[in-house]
N, C-alpha and C. Protein backbone atom coordinates (compact mmCIF):
# COMPACT_ATOMS: atom_id res chain seq x y z
N MET A 1 79.02 103.08 130.67
CA MET A 1 78.85 101.66 129.72
C MET A 1 78.85 100.83 130.40
N GLN A 2 79.09 100.44 132.02
CA GLN A 2 78.53 99.37 132.67
C GLN A 2 77.24 99.42 132.73
N PRO A 3 76.31 100.16 133.12
CA PRO A 3 74.80 100.08 133.26
C PRO A 3 74.41 99.40 132.12
N ILE A 4 74.98 99.99 130.75
CA ILE A 4 74.27 99.62 129.40
C ILE A 4 74.60 98.13 129.29
N LEU A 5 75.70 97.64 129.77
CA LEU A 5 76.13 96.21 129.50
C LEU A 5 75.38 95.33 130.19
N MET A 6 75.29 95.89 131.71
CA MET A 6 74.09 95.15 132.55
C MET A 6 72.75 95.07 132.01
N TYR A 7 72.57 96.26 131.60
CA TYR A 7 70.79 96.19 130.79
C TYR A 7 70.94 95.14 129.59
N ALA A 8 71.90 95.26 128.70
CA ALA A 8 71.87 94.33 127.25
C ALA A 8 72.11 92.92 128.10
N ASP A 9 72.70 92.42 129.17
CA ASP A 9 72.53 91.02 129.61
C ASP A 9 71.56 90.81 129.91
N LYS A 10 70.77 91.54 130.77
CA LYS A 10 69.37 91.36 131.36
C LYS A 10 68.29 91.12 130.21
N ALA A 11 68.51 92.12 129.01
CA ALA A 11 67.47 91.98 128.01
C ALA A 11 68.04 91.00 126.89
N ASN A 12 69.00 90.00 127.36
CA ASN A 12 69.53 89.01 126.41
C ASN A 12 70.17 89.62 125.03
N ILE A 13 70.60 90.83 125.09
CA ILE A 13 71.01 91.38 123.58
C ILE A 13 72.20 90.85 123.74
N LEU A 14 72.54 90.16 122.18
CA LEU A 14 74.28 90.01 122.14
C LEU A 14 75.06 91.43 122.19
N ILE A 15 76.34 90.92 122.72
CA ILE A 15 77.15 92.17 122.78
C ILE A 15 77.65 92.58 121.40
N PRO A 16 77.79 91.63 120.26
CA PRO A 16 78.15 92.39 119.08
C PRO A 16 77.35 92.78 118.33
N ILE A 17 75.74 92.89 118.26
CA ILE A 17 74.75 93.62 117.97
C ILE A 17 74.70 94.83 118.70
N LEU A 18 75.03 95.06 119.89
CA LEU A 18 75.13 96.31 120.43
C LEU A 18 76.22 96.89 119.93
N PHE A 19 77.24 96.30 119.68
CA PHE A 19 78.78 97.06 119.30
C PHE A 19 78.26 97.74 117.96
N VAL A 20 77.34 96.99 117.27
CA VAL A 20 76.92 97.22 115.79
C VAL A 20 76.10 98.53 115.81
N ILE A 21 75.20 98.88 116.83
CA ILE A 21 74.51 99.89 117.08
C ILE A 21 75.34 101.15 117.65
N VAL A 22 75.79 100.92 118.24
CA VAL A 22 77.03 101.80 118.88
C VAL A 22 77.73 102.66 117.60
N VAL A 23 78.33 101.56 116.75
CA VAL A 23 79.13 101.89 115.47
C VAL A 23 78.27 102.91 114.52
N ALA A 24 77.11 102.39 114.71
CA ALA A 24 76.04 102.79 113.80
C ALA A 24 75.75 104.25 114.10
N ILE A 25 75.86 104.66 115.46
CA ILE A 25 75.52 105.95 115.99
C ILE A 25 76.52 106.92 115.44
N TYR A 26 77.60 106.43 115.98
CA TYR A 26 78.93 107.21 115.85
C TYR A 26 79.66 107.11 114.35
N ALA A 27 78.86 106.52 113.51
CA ALA A 27 79.68 106.39 112.39
C ALA A 27 79.92 107.78 111.82
N LYS A 28 78.92 108.96 111.69
CA LYS A 28 79.22 110.14 111.09
C LYS A 28 80.53 110.96 111.80
N LYS A 29 80.46 110.76 113.02
CA LYS A 29 81.70 111.42 113.73
C LYS A 29 83.03 111.05 113.53
N ILE A 30 82.76 109.45 113.35
CA ILE A 30 84.06 108.70 112.55
C ILE A 30 84.64 109.04 111.60
N LEU A 31 83.77 109.19 110.42
CA LEU A 31 84.11 109.62 109.19
C LEU A 31 84.72 111.06 109.44
N ASN A 32 83.94 111.78 110.19
CA ASN A 32 84.55 113.35 110.21
C ASN A 32 86.14 113.47 110.39
N LEU A 33 86.22 112.33 111.74
CA LEU A 33 87.67 112.39 111.96
C LEU A 33 88.52 111.85 111.11
N PHE A 34 87.92 110.73 110.41
CA PHE A 34 89.16 110.32 109.24
C PHE A 34 89.15 111.38 108.12
N ASP A 35 88.27 112.33 107.98
CA ASP A 35 88.66 113.65 107.04
C ASP A 35 89.42 114.34 107.44
N GLN A 36 89.38 114.52 108.85
CA GLN A 36 90.35 115.69 109.23
C GLN A 36 91.89 115.04 109.58
N VAL A 37 92.24 113.90 109.61
CA VAL A 37 93.53 113.05 109.47
C VAL A 37 93.69 113.16 108.19
N LYS A 38 92.90 113.13 106.98
CA LYS A 38 93.30 113.02 105.64
C LYS A 38 93.98 114.57 105.37
N LEU A 39 93.30 115.51 105.91
CA LEU A 39 93.54 116.82 105.50
C LEU A 39 94.66 117.73 106.55
N ARG A 40 94.91 116.89 107.75
CA ARG A 40 96.20 117.35 108.25
C ARG A 40 97.41 117.46 107.44
N LYS A 41 97.85 116.69 106.74
CA LYS A 41 99.11 117.00 106.20
C LYS A 41 99.16 118.09 105.12
N VAL A 42 97.77 118.13 104.49
CA VAL A 42 97.76 119.33 103.35
C VAL A 42 97.72 120.67 104.20
N ASN A 43 97.09 120.56 105.18
CA ASN A 43 96.92 121.82 106.16
C ASN A 43 98.59 122.22 106.46
N TYR A 44 99.20 121.47 107.17
CA TYR A 44 100.35 121.46 107.64
C TYR A 44 101.54 121.99 106.39
N LEU A 45 101.73 121.38 105.32
CA LEU A 45 102.35 121.81 104.08
C LEU A 45 101.93 123.06 103.76
N SER A 46 100.54 123.51 103.64
CA SER A 46 100.17 124.64 103.14
C SER A 46 100.88 125.85 104.19
N SER A 47 100.47 125.61 105.41
CA SER A 47 101.45 126.62 106.44
C SER A 47 102.88 126.79 106.12
N LEU A 48 103.46 125.54 105.97
CA LEU A 48 104.76 125.75 105.69
C LEU A 48 105.18 126.51 104.37
N TYR A 49 104.54 126.29 103.44
CA TYR A 49 104.68 126.96 102.17
C TYR A 49 104.56 128.34 102.11
N GLU A 50 103.81 128.95 103.32
CA GLU A 50 103.63 130.21 103.26
C GLU A 50 104.77 131.21 104.11
N ASN A 51 105.74 130.15 104.36
CA ASN A 51 106.91 130.81 105.09
C ASN A 51 107.78 131.42 104.21
N LYS A 52 107.87 132.99 104.46
CA LYS A 52 108.71 133.77 103.12
C LYS A 52 110.10 133.49 103.38
N HIS A 53 110.73 133.01 104.34
CA HIS A 53 112.38 132.62 104.57
C HIS A 53 112.63 131.51 103.60
N LEU A 54 111.49 130.61 103.10
CA LEU A 54 112.13 129.31 102.58
C LEU A 54 112.76 129.82 101.15
N HIS A 55 113.72 128.92 100.73
CA HIS A 55 114.51 129.15 99.37
C HIS A 55 113.16 128.77 98.31
N GLU A 56 113.24 129.22 97.51
CA GLU A 56 112.43 128.80 95.91
C GLU A 56 112.27 127.56 95.88
N ASN A 57 113.43 126.88 95.81
CA ASN A 57 113.68 125.32 95.38
C ASN A 57 112.78 124.57 96.47
N THR A 58 113.26 124.78 97.65
CA THR A 58 112.43 124.21 98.64
C THR A 58 111.01 124.36 98.70
N LYS A 59 110.08 125.92 98.24
CA LYS A 59 109.01 125.72 98.09
C LYS A 59 108.45 125.55 97.25
N GLU A 60 109.08 125.12 95.97
CA GLU A 60 108.39 123.95 94.70
C GLU A 60 108.53 122.85 95.20
N MET A 61 109.50 122.37 96.22
CA MET A 61 109.45 120.63 96.61
C MET A 61 108.08 120.71 97.45
N ILE A 62 107.67 121.42 98.32
CA ILE A 62 106.54 121.42 99.11
C ILE A 62 105.37 121.67 98.45
N LYS A 63 105.42 122.30 97.39
CA LYS A 63 104.20 122.50 96.25
C LYS A 63 103.86 121.37 95.92
N GLU A 64 104.99 120.81 95.10
CA GLU A 64 104.66 119.36 94.93
C GLU A 64 104.05 118.13 96.02
N GLU A 65 104.64 118.25 97.16
CA GLU A 65 104.15 117.67 98.25
C GLU A 65 102.63 117.64 98.58
N ILE A 66 102.42 119.18 98.44
CA ILE A 66 100.97 119.37 98.85
C ILE A 66 100.02 119.09 97.81
N ASN A 67 100.45 118.97 96.36
CA ASN A 67 99.81 118.55 95.56
C ASN A 67 99.44 116.89 95.72
N ASN A 68 100.63 116.21 96.06
CA ASN A 68 100.59 115.12 96.11
C ASN A 68 99.18 114.48 97.33
N ALA A 69 99.47 115.08 98.59
CA ALA A 69 98.57 115.09 99.56
C ALA A 69 97.08 115.36 99.44
N ALA A 70 97.24 116.56 98.34
CA ALA A 70 95.66 116.60 97.92
C ALA A 70 95.04 115.69 97.00
N PHE A 71 96.06 115.16 96.43
CA PHE A 71 95.59 114.04 95.48
C PHE A 71 94.84 113.04 96.27
N LYS A 72 95.90 112.44 96.91
CA LYS A 72 95.28 111.32 98.03
C LYS A 72 94.50 111.61 98.67
N SER A 73 94.10 112.73 99.26
CA SER A 73 92.85 113.32 100.18
C SER A 73 91.42 113.18 98.93
N ALA A 74 91.87 113.83 97.91
CA ALA A 74 90.58 113.77 97.00
C ALA A 74 90.23 112.55 96.21
N ILE A 75 91.43 111.77 95.74
CA ILE A 75 91.09 110.63 94.88
C ILE A 75 91.28 109.49 95.74
N GLY A 76 92.16 109.24 96.66
CA GLY A 76 92.21 108.17 97.47
C GLY A 76 93.33 107.43 96.79
N ILE A 77 94.31 107.74 96.06
CA ILE A 77 95.57 107.25 95.48
C ILE A 77 96.69 108.02 96.06
N ARG A 78 97.56 107.18 96.92
CA ARG A 78 99.14 107.68 97.43
C ARG A 78 100.02 107.69 96.29
N VAL A 79 100.23 108.61 95.81
CA VAL A 79 101.52 108.43 94.68
C VAL A 79 102.52 109.47 94.96
N GLU A 80 103.45 109.35 93.80
CA GLU A 80 104.63 110.52 93.81
C GLU A 80 104.41 111.47 92.70
N THR A 81 105.10 112.35 92.83
CA THR A 81 104.88 113.56 91.67
C THR A 81 104.46 113.05 90.30
N THR A 82 105.49 112.15 89.85
CA THR A 82 105.58 111.70 88.50
C THR A 82 104.42 110.69 88.25
N LEU A 83 104.01 110.02 88.93
CA LEU A 83 102.84 109.03 88.83
C LEU A 83 101.76 109.80 88.95
N ARG A 84 101.58 110.60 89.82
CA ARG A 84 100.44 111.64 89.94
C ARG A 84 100.24 112.31 88.41
N LYS A 85 101.10 113.08 87.76
CA LYS A 85 101.08 113.89 86.42
C LYS A 85 100.60 112.61 85.56
N GLN A 86 100.98 111.51 85.64
CA GLN A 86 100.63 110.39 84.34
C GLN A 86 99.39 109.99 84.74
N LEU A 87 98.77 109.82 86.11
CA LEU A 87 97.48 109.28 86.41
C LEU A 87 96.68 110.41 85.73
N THR A 88 96.75 111.97 85.86
CA THR A 88 96.04 112.94 85.54
C THR A 88 95.92 113.15 84.15
N GLU A 89 97.41 112.75 83.38
CA GLU A 89 97.49 112.94 82.07
C GLU A 89 96.36 111.80 81.40
N LEU A 90 96.52 110.69 81.88
CA LEU A 90 95.80 109.56 81.50
C LEU A 90 94.13 109.64 81.45
N HIS A 91 94.02 110.24 82.84
CA HIS A 91 92.34 110.56 82.91
C HIS A 91 91.74 111.41 81.92
N ASN A 92 92.61 112.80 82.03
CA ASN A 92 92.31 113.82 80.86
C ASN A 92 91.99 113.40 79.29
N LYS A 93 92.55 112.16 78.94
CA LYS A 93 92.68 111.74 77.64
C LYS A 93 90.91 111.28 77.57
N ASP A 94 90.59 110.63 78.32
CA ASP A 94 89.25 109.76 78.29
C ASP A 94 88.56 109.87 79.61
N LYS A 95 88.00 110.83 80.06
CA LYS A 95 87.32 110.56 81.67
C LYS A 95 86.31 109.66 81.58
N ASN A 96 85.59 109.03 80.84
CA ASN A 96 84.77 107.98 80.79
C ASN A 96 85.30 106.59 80.86
N THR A 97 86.64 106.54 80.34
CA THR A 97 87.09 105.17 80.03
C THR A 97 88.10 105.14 81.54
N PHE A 98 89.16 106.06 81.68
CA PHE A 98 89.92 106.13 82.55
C PHE A 98 89.57 107.01 83.78
N THR A 99 88.30 106.33 84.49
CA THR A 99 87.77 106.80 85.37
C THR A 99 88.72 106.73 86.67
N TRP A 100 88.52 107.59 87.80
CA TRP A 100 89.44 107.46 88.94
C TRP A 100 88.91 106.36 89.41
N LYS A 101 88.03 105.81 89.59
CA LYS A 101 87.89 104.50 90.43
C LYS A 101 88.58 103.43 89.68
N ARG A 102 88.62 103.40 88.32
CA ARG A 102 89.33 102.37 87.76
C ARG A 102 90.80 102.56 88.06
N LEU A 103 91.28 103.68 87.91
CA LEU A 103 92.79 103.74 88.22
C LEU A 103 92.98 103.58 89.58
N ARG A 104 92.24 104.09 90.29
CA ARG A 104 92.59 103.73 91.76
C ARG A 104 92.33 101.99 92.18
N MET A 105 91.42 101.28 91.46
CA MET A 105 91.35 99.86 91.96
C MET A 105 92.16 99.48 91.32
N SER A 106 93.05 99.78 90.33
CA SER A 106 94.21 98.94 89.13
C SER A 106 95.75 99.48 89.87
N MET A 107 95.75 99.88 90.96
CA MET A 107 97.06 100.62 91.39
C MET A 107 97.92 99.42 91.75
N ASN A 108 97.44 98.21 92.23
CA ASN A 108 98.43 97.04 92.48
C ASN A 108 98.91 96.45 91.26
N TYR A 109 98.41 96.65 90.29
CA TYR A 109 98.74 96.14 89.09
C TYR A 109 99.59 96.85 88.02
N LEU A 110 100.02 98.21 88.43
CA LEU A 110 100.62 99.13 87.52
C LEU A 110 102.01 99.07 87.67
N ASP A 111 102.68 98.93 86.70
CA ASP A 111 104.24 98.74 86.59
C ASP A 111 104.83 100.18 86.69
N HIS A 112 105.38 100.64 88.04
CA HIS A 112 105.80 101.97 88.10
C HIS A 112 107.23 102.27 87.54
N GLU A 113 108.12 101.35 87.01
CA GLU A 113 109.35 101.37 86.34
C GLU A 113 109.34 101.62 84.92
N THR A 114 108.20 102.21 84.47
CA THR A 114 108.22 102.39 83.11
C THR A 114 107.70 103.84 82.89
N ASP A 115 108.08 104.36 81.85
CA ASP A 115 107.95 105.97 81.73
C ASP A 115 106.50 106.23 81.59
N GLU A 116 105.65 105.38 80.78
CA GLU A 116 104.30 105.53 80.55
C GLU A 116 103.60 104.65 81.76
N ILE A 117 102.18 104.62 81.97
CA ILE A 117 101.40 103.83 82.45
C ILE A 117 101.24 102.79 81.87
N LYS A 118 101.77 101.33 82.56
CA LYS A 118 101.50 100.18 82.14
C LYS A 118 100.75 99.03 82.99
N VAL A 119 99.82 98.18 82.67
CA VAL A 119 99.32 97.54 83.42
C VAL A 119 99.99 96.01 83.36
N LYS A 120 100.45 95.38 84.59
CA LYS A 120 101.13 94.37 84.59
C LYS A 120 100.38 93.01 85.31
N ILE A 121 99.84 92.36 84.23
CA ILE A 121 99.19 90.93 84.48
C ILE A 121 100.24 89.53 83.98
N GLY A 122 100.48 89.27 85.06
CA GLY A 122 101.38 88.01 84.92
C GLY A 122 101.05 86.90 85.57
N TRP A 123 101.97 85.89 85.84
CA TRP A 123 101.71 84.72 86.42
C TRP A 123 101.33 84.76 87.70
N PHE A 124 102.04 85.60 88.51
CA PHE A 124 101.71 86.10 89.54
C PHE A 124 100.36 86.58 90.20
N GLU A 125 99.86 87.69 88.90
CA GLU A 125 98.36 88.00 89.35
C GLU A 125 97.39 86.93 88.83
N LYS A 126 97.57 85.88 87.98
CA LYS A 126 96.97 85.16 87.71
C LYS A 126 96.65 83.99 88.83
N ILE A 127 97.46 83.91 89.33
CA ILE A 127 97.33 83.01 90.77
C ILE A 127 96.69 83.43 91.74
N ASN A 128 96.86 84.93 92.07
CA ASN A 128 96.20 85.88 92.87
C ASN A 128 94.77 85.73 92.27
N LEU A 129 94.50 85.92 91.13
CA LEU A 129 92.91 85.59 90.62
C LEU A 129 92.34 84.52 90.95
N TYR A 130 93.25 83.34 90.65
CA TYR A 130 92.69 82.00 90.97
C TYR A 130 92.49 81.64 92.44
N SER A 131 93.27 82.29 93.40
CA SER A 131 93.15 81.98 94.82
C SER A 131 92.02 82.81 95.31
N SER A 132 91.90 83.95 94.79
CA SER A 132 90.40 84.51 95.22
C SER A 132 89.51 83.89 94.86
N LEU A 133 89.11 83.27 93.67
CA LEU A 133 87.95 82.37 93.08
C LEU A 133 87.97 81.10 94.06
N ILE A 134 88.95 80.53 94.51
CA ILE A 134 88.77 79.45 95.15
C ILE A 134 88.30 79.97 96.81
N GLY A 135 88.98 81.11 97.26
CA GLY A 135 88.63 81.71 98.29
C GLY A 135 86.93 81.86 98.67
N ILE A 136 86.61 82.61 97.52
CA ILE A 136 84.96 82.55 97.84
C ILE A 136 84.18 81.61 97.68
N ALA A 137 84.96 80.50 96.73
CA ALA A 137 84.08 79.25 96.59
C ALA A 137 83.82 78.60 98.08
N CYS A 138 85.07 78.56 98.89
CA CYS A 138 85.17 78.07 100.34
C CYS A 138 84.47 78.93 101.28
N VAL A 139 84.39 79.97 101.14
CA VAL A 139 83.50 80.98 101.90
C VAL A 139 82.31 80.97 101.90
N ILE A 140 81.73 80.35 100.49
CA ILE A 140 80.32 80.21 100.54
C ILE A 140 79.87 78.67 100.90
N ILE A 141 80.85 77.68 100.74
CA ILE A 141 80.55 76.54 101.16
C ILE A 141 80.59 76.45 102.67
N MET A 142 81.37 77.32 103.36
CA MET A 142 81.56 77.37 104.84
C MET A 142 80.26 77.87 105.43
N TYR A 143 79.67 78.84 104.84
CA TYR A 143 78.65 79.45 105.12
C TYR A 143 77.52 78.53 105.12
N ILE A 144 77.24 77.66 103.89
CA ILE A 144 76.16 76.58 103.99
C ILE A 144 76.11 75.58 104.95
N LEU A 145 77.26 75.14 105.28
CA LEU A 145 77.68 74.35 105.98
C LEU A 145 77.05 74.74 107.33
N ASN A 146 77.32 76.03 107.90
CA ASN A 146 76.88 76.38 109.07
C ASN A 146 75.45 76.70 109.33
N LEU A 147 75.06 76.83 107.98
CA LEU A 147 73.68 77.43 108.01
C LEU A 147 72.76 75.96 108.21
N ILE A 148 73.21 74.75 107.45
CA ILE A 148 72.51 73.61 107.89
C ILE A 148 72.84 73.27 109.37
N MET A 149 73.97 73.41 109.99
CA MET A 149 74.44 73.05 111.17
C MET A 149 73.54 73.70 112.31
N LEU A 150 72.99 74.96 111.76
CA LEU A 150 72.08 75.87 112.75
C LEU A 150 70.69 75.28 112.23
N VAL A 151 70.28 74.76 111.09
CA VAL A 151 68.89 74.50 110.79
C VAL A 151 68.70 72.79 111.69
N ILE A 152 69.76 72.16 111.81
CA ILE A 152 69.66 70.73 112.45
C ILE A 152 69.70 71.11 113.80
N LYS A 153 70.37 71.61 114.56
CA LYS A 153 70.62 72.07 115.92
C LYS A 153 69.39 72.82 116.55
N HIS A 154 69.43 73.95 115.78
CA HIS A 154 68.21 75.11 116.08
C HIS A 154 68.28 75.27 117.86
N ASP A 155 69.44 75.64 118.44
CA ASP A 155 69.57 76.14 119.52
C ASP A 155 70.35 77.63 119.83
N LEU A 156 70.41 77.91 121.02
CA LEU A 156 71.04 79.15 121.07
C LEU A 156 72.69 78.98 120.83
N GLU A 157 73.37 78.14 121.02
CA GLU A 157 74.72 77.97 121.13
C GLU A 157 75.18 77.90 119.50
N SER A 158 74.24 77.41 118.79
CA SER A 158 74.42 77.25 117.36
C SER A 158 74.20 78.48 116.54
N PHE A 159 73.12 79.43 117.04
CA PHE A 159 73.03 80.79 116.79
C PHE A 159 73.94 81.63 116.89
N ILE A 160 74.60 81.46 118.23
CA ILE A 160 75.78 82.37 118.48
C ILE A 160 77.00 81.92 117.51
N ASN A 161 77.44 80.54 117.32
CA ASN A 161 78.33 80.31 116.36
C ASN A 161 78.09 80.72 114.82
N PHE A 162 76.84 80.79 114.64
CA PHE A 162 76.62 80.84 113.14
C PHE A 162 76.69 82.48 113.20
N PHE A 163 76.30 83.29 113.96
CA PHE A 163 76.59 84.56 114.20
C PHE A 163 77.92 85.26 113.87
N PHE A 164 78.82 84.49 114.59
CA PHE A 164 80.42 84.85 114.73
C PHE A 164 80.75 84.33 113.41
N TYR A 165 80.61 83.08 112.82
CA TYR A 165 81.08 82.71 111.70
C TYR A 165 80.54 83.53 110.46
N THR A 166 79.42 83.97 110.66
CA THR A 166 78.95 84.67 109.20
C THR A 166 79.54 86.27 109.45
N GLY A 167 79.92 86.75 110.35
CA GLY A 167 80.96 87.91 110.49
C GLY A 167 82.32 87.52 109.94
N GLY A 168 82.93 86.62 110.42
CA GLY A 168 84.18 86.34 109.82
C GLY A 168 84.38 85.81 108.47
N LEU A 169 83.06 85.12 107.96
CA LEU A 169 83.28 84.69 106.59
C LEU A 169 82.91 85.99 105.65
N GLY A 170 82.12 86.95 106.34
CA GLY A 170 81.65 88.14 105.50
C GLY A 170 82.95 88.72 105.14
N LEU A 171 83.68 88.83 106.39
CA LEU A 171 84.98 89.80 105.92
C LEU A 171 85.78 89.27 105.10
N LEU A 172 86.01 87.66 105.13
CA LEU A 172 86.57 87.13 103.93
C LEU A 172 86.36 87.23 102.65
N PHE A 173 84.90 87.02 102.61
CA PHE A 173 84.18 87.37 101.15
C PHE A 173 84.68 88.57 100.67
N VAL A 174 84.48 89.79 101.61
CA VAL A 174 84.73 91.07 101.20
C VAL A 174 86.01 91.35 100.57
N PHE A 175 87.27 90.48 101.48
CA PHE A 175 88.52 90.67 100.96
C PHE A 175 88.64 90.16 99.40
N PHE A 176 88.24 88.80 99.40
CA PHE A 176 88.55 88.20 98.22
C PHE A 176 87.49 88.78 96.88
N GLY A 177 86.71 89.33 97.44
CA GLY A 177 85.76 90.07 96.30
C GLY A 177 86.32 91.25 95.93
N TYR A 178 86.90 91.98 96.88
CA TYR A 178 87.54 92.99 96.58
C TYR A 178 89.04 92.95 95.61
N SER A 179 89.87 91.87 95.74
CA SER A 179 90.73 91.35 94.99
C SER A 179 90.26 91.04 93.78
N LEU A 180 88.90 90.23 93.48
CA LEU A 180 88.61 90.05 92.31
C LEU A 180 88.43 91.36 91.41
N ALA A 181 87.71 92.47 92.17
CA ALA A 181 87.23 93.68 91.58
C ALA A 181 88.73 94.26 91.06
N GLU A 182 89.77 94.40 91.72
CA GLU A 182 90.93 94.89 91.45
C GLU A 182 91.45 94.44 90.13
N TYR A 183 91.36 92.95 90.04
CA TYR A 183 91.80 92.26 88.73
C TYR A 183 90.84 92.80 87.56
N TYR A 184 89.42 92.96 87.84
CA TYR A 184 88.68 93.26 86.93
C TYR A 184 88.96 94.30 86.37
N HIS A 185 89.19 95.63 87.03
CA HIS A 185 89.42 96.86 86.79
C HIS A 185 90.88 97.16 86.06
N ALA A 186 91.79 96.13 86.61
CA ALA A 186 93.25 96.19 85.89
C ALA A 186 93.16 95.75 84.57
N TYR A 187 92.39 94.55 84.27
CA TYR A 187 92.14 94.12 83.10
C TYR A 187 91.29 94.81 81.91
N LYS A 188 90.57 95.70 82.53
CA LYS A 188 89.83 96.54 81.65
C LYS A 188 90.71 97.82 81.36
N LEU A 189 91.43 98.08 82.33
CA LEU A 189 92.44 99.22 82.01
C LEU A 189 93.41 98.93 81.16
N ASN A 190 94.11 97.79 81.23
CA ASN A 190 94.76 96.95 80.18
C ASN A 190 94.08 97.15 78.79
N LYS A 191 92.98 96.78 78.82
CA LYS A 191 92.46 96.66 77.32
C LYS A 191 92.14 97.89 76.49
N ALA A 192 91.75 98.88 77.63
CA ALA A 192 91.66 100.46 77.03
C ALA A 192 93.25 101.03 76.68
N LEU A 193 93.89 100.78 77.51
CA LEU A 193 95.49 101.16 76.99
C LEU A 193 95.87 100.53 75.63
N GLU A 194 95.52 99.26 75.44
CA GLU A 194 95.88 98.84 74.35
C GLU A 194 95.20 99.31 73.15
N LYS A 195 93.91 99.70 73.44
CA LYS A 195 93.05 100.49 72.17
C LYS A 195 93.20 101.53 71.92
N PHE A 196 93.91 102.36 73.31
CA PHE A 196 94.34 103.72 72.74
C PHE A 196 95.75 103.64 71.98
N GLU A 197 96.47 103.07 72.08
CA GLU A 197 97.92 102.59 71.89
C GLU A 197 97.68 102.11 70.26
N SER A 198 96.95 101.46 69.96
CA SER A 198 96.66 101.11 68.64
C SER A 198 96.07 102.12 67.81
N LYS A 199 95.42 103.03 68.39
CA LYS A 199 95.06 104.21 67.70
C LYS A 199 95.93 105.05 67.30
N ASP A 200 96.86 105.29 68.21
CA ASP A 200 97.81 106.19 68.19
C ASP A 200 98.77 105.68 67.17
N VAL A 201 99.16 104.52 67.06
CA VAL A 201 99.98 103.91 66.00
C VAL A 201 99.38 103.99 64.77
N ALA A 202 98.05 103.90 64.53
CA ALA A 202 97.20 104.37 63.20
C ALA A 202 97.26 105.54 62.80
N LEU A 203 97.14 106.55 63.68
CA LEU A 203 96.95 107.77 63.39
C LEU A 203 98.94 108.20 62.84
N SER A 204 99.59 107.62 63.63
CA SER A 204 100.92 107.91 63.17
C SER A 204 101.28 107.32 61.80
N THR A 205 100.65 106.07 61.38
CA THR A 205 100.82 105.36 60.13
C THR A 205 100.44 106.27 58.99
N CYS A 206 99.28 107.11 59.41
CA CYS A 206 98.21 107.72 58.21
C CYS A 206 99.23 108.93 58.02
N LYS A 207 99.65 109.64 59.27
CA LYS A 207 100.41 110.69 58.95
C LYS A 207 101.72 110.61 58.12
N ASP A 208 102.28 109.40 58.20
CA ASP A 208 103.61 109.00 57.63
C ASP A 208 103.34 108.93 56.12
N LYS A 209 102.11 108.17 55.92
CA LYS A 209 101.81 107.65 54.40
C LYS A 209 101.20 109.60 53.66
N LYS A 210 100.96 110.20 54.65
CA LYS A 210 100.55 111.56 53.59
C LYS A 210 101.89 112.43 53.63
N GLU A 211 102.76 112.06 54.34
CA GLU A 211 104.01 112.98 53.95
C GLU A 211 104.82 112.13 53.02
C-alpha cells in the first residue's frame, strides 16, 4: 500500500479519488460479503431446526424466526412474525399497488400498535418533512456558494475544498432526499389503504342491502 501512496503523491493524485477507485474495484467482493452476512442467521437457524431432539413448540418458534430472517434477507424489512404476515397479506391484495418497495420505504411511518397496517402521518412527521425540504434547500445553496468560490479563486486549495464540500453535501442531499422519498411512499400507501377501505365499506353496504 505504501508504494501505491508514494506513486499517487508523485503523480499528484488526490487520495480520495484513489480511495474511490479502490472501492470500485472491490465493490463486488464487498457486496458478496454483505450477502453472506445476511444469510448467516438463516443458515444457523436452519441447522438448529434440523435438530431432532428439540421440542415441537421450540421448532415452531425457530421456524417463525427462519421465516422472519429470510424475509429480512429477501425483502430488506426487519419484522416480527405478526407484522410479516400483515405485510405479506397486504402485498398479496394488490401487488402493483402495495409493492415491497413502497412497504419498505414506509416502515418508519407504520403504526405497529394496531391489528391492521395503518400509516401514521401526524405533526411530528410533517415537521420531519419540512425539515428535509429546508435541508435540501440549504445543501443546494451551499453547493452554489462553494462553486462560486471555486470559480473566483480558481486555485488548487479551492478545488480541494470544493471536492470535500461536494462529498459532504452529497451525503446530506442523499439523506434528506431519502427522507422525502420515505414520506412520499408513506403518503401514497396511506391513500391506497384509504381507497381499499372505502371499497370494502361499499361492498359490505351492498351486501347488507341485498340481505
